[in-house]
């Protein structure tokens, strides 16, 4: 399963990827995407927005890029590992 995480904390990027790997998921993490989001997203199975650390403009542009794709979108206000774990429990099988 491929996952794109938008938002979150820069210092937690490695931990987000490790947690996703423990659920047999490949993750791309963009804590501060700087333009060209269309080319970076691809077509993931699951997209997670950590809305507390994202601007409204970034959320809107990402939603426009994902429109029409077969991807599940999850929004979470908290960018903690426990919040990510809860989302992964709901959508991915643990290895």
Protein backbone atom coordinates (compact mmCIF):
# COMPACT_ATOMS: atom_id res chain seq x y z
CA UNK A 1 0.00 0.00 0.00
CA UNK A 2 1.35 3.42 -0.88
CA UNK A 3 0.77 6.35 1.44
CA UNK A 4 1.37 10.07 1.10
CA UNK A 5 1.55 12.12 4.29
CA UNK A 6 1.15 15.87 3.98
CA UNK A 7 1.97 18.07 6.95
CA UNK A 8 3.41 16.92 10.23
CA UNK A 9 6.68 17.83 11.88
CA UNK A 10 10.04 17.71 10.13
CA UNK A 11 11.70 16.01 13.09
CA UNK A 12 9.09 13.21 12.95
CA UNK A 13 9.49 12.43 9.25
CA UNK A 14 11.72 9.39 9.80
CA UNK A 15 9.37 8.02 12.49
CA UNK A 16 6.35 8.39 10.18
CA UNK A 17 8.16 6.35 7.51
CA UNK A 18 9.25 3.68 10.01
CA UNK A 19 5.72 3.29 11.36
CA UNK A 20 4.32 2.96 7.85
CA UNK A 21 6.98 0.37 7.03
CA UNK A 22 5.88 -1.69 10.04
CA UNK A 23 2.45 -1.87 8.36
CA UNK A 24 4.03 -2.94 5.03
CA UNK A 25 3.33 0.46 3.47
CA UNK A 26 5.57 2.68 1.40
CA UNK A 27 5.32 6.28 2.54
CA UNK A 28 6.18 9.64 1.07
CA UNK A 29 6.22 12.41 3.65
CA UNK A 30 5.98 16.08 2.71
CA UNK A 31 6.23 18.24 5.79
CA UNK A 32 6.83 21.42 3.80
CA UNK A 33 6.09 20.86 0.12
CA UNK A 34 7.32 23.80 -1.91
CA UNK A 35 5.54 23.80 -5.24
CA UNK A 36 5.22 21.15 -7.89
CA UNK A 37 2.96 19.09 -5.67
CA UNK A 38 1.29 17.51 -8.69
CA UNK A 39 4.49 15.79 -9.79
CA UNK A 40 5.34 14.61 -6.28
CA UNK A 41 2.07 13.00 -5.17
CA UNK A 42 1.61 10.30 -7.78
CA UNK A 43 -1.42 8.07 -7.21
CA UNK A 44 -1.31 6.79 -3.62
CA UNK A 45 -3.76 4.35 -2.06
CA UNK A 46 -4.08 6.53 1.05
CA UNK A 47 -3.40 10.23 1.59
CA UNK A 48 -3.14 11.58 5.12
CA UNK A 49 -3.47 15.29 5.89
CA UNK A 50 -2.12 16.47 9.24
CA UNK A 51 -4.22 19.63 9.13
CA UNK A 52 -2.79 21.29 12.23
CA UNK A 53 0.56 21.83 10.49
CA UNK A 54 -0.75 22.65 7.00
CA UNK A 55 -2.09 25.84 5.49
CA UNK A 56 -5.62 25.91 4.11
CA UNK A 57 -4.19 26.72 0.69
CA UNK A 58 -2.01 23.58 0.74
CA UNK A 59 -4.97 21.39 1.74
CA UNK A 60 -7.06 22.85 -1.07
CA UNK A 61 -4.35 22.43 -3.73
CA UNK A 62 -3.64 18.84 -2.65
CA UNK A 63 -7.35 17.98 -2.78
CA UNK A 64 -7.55 19.44 -6.28
CA UNK A 65 -4.57 17.32 -7.38
CA UNK A 66 -6.12 14.15 -5.95
CA UNK A 67 -9.56 14.80 -7.43
CA UNK A 68 -10.69 11.99 -9.71
CA UNK A 69 -8.11 9.51 -8.40
CA UNK A 70 -9.00 6.35 -6.55
CA UNK A 71 -7.37 7.33 -3.26
CA UNK A 72 -8.65 7.38 0.31
CA UNK A 73 -8.22 10.74 2.05
CA UNK A 74 -7.88 10.93 5.83
CA UNK A 75 -7.71 14.22 7.73
CA UNK A 76 -6.26 14.33 11.20
CA UNK A 77 -5.77 17.41 13.34
CA UNK A 78 -2.96 15.89 15.38
CA UNK A 79 0.37 14.95 13.79
CA UNK A 80 1.38 12.48 16.51
CA UNK A 81 2.52 8.90 16.00
CA UNK A 82 -0.51 7.59 17.87
CA UNK A 83 -2.82 9.43 15.46
CA UNK A 84 -0.95 7.96 12.49
CA UNK A 85 -1.06 4.51 14.09
CA UNK A 86 -4.85 4.81 14.47
CA UNK A 87 -5.24 5.69 10.79
CA UNK A 88 -2.98 2.83 9.73
CA UNK A 89 -4.91 0.39 11.94
CA UNK A 90 -8.06 1.38 10.13
CA UNK A 91 -6.67 1.17 6.57
CA UNK A 92 -3.64 -1.16 6.52
CA UNK A 93 -2.87 -4.65 7.78
CA UNK A 94 -0.02 -4.97 10.25
CA UNK A 95 2.87 -7.23 9.27
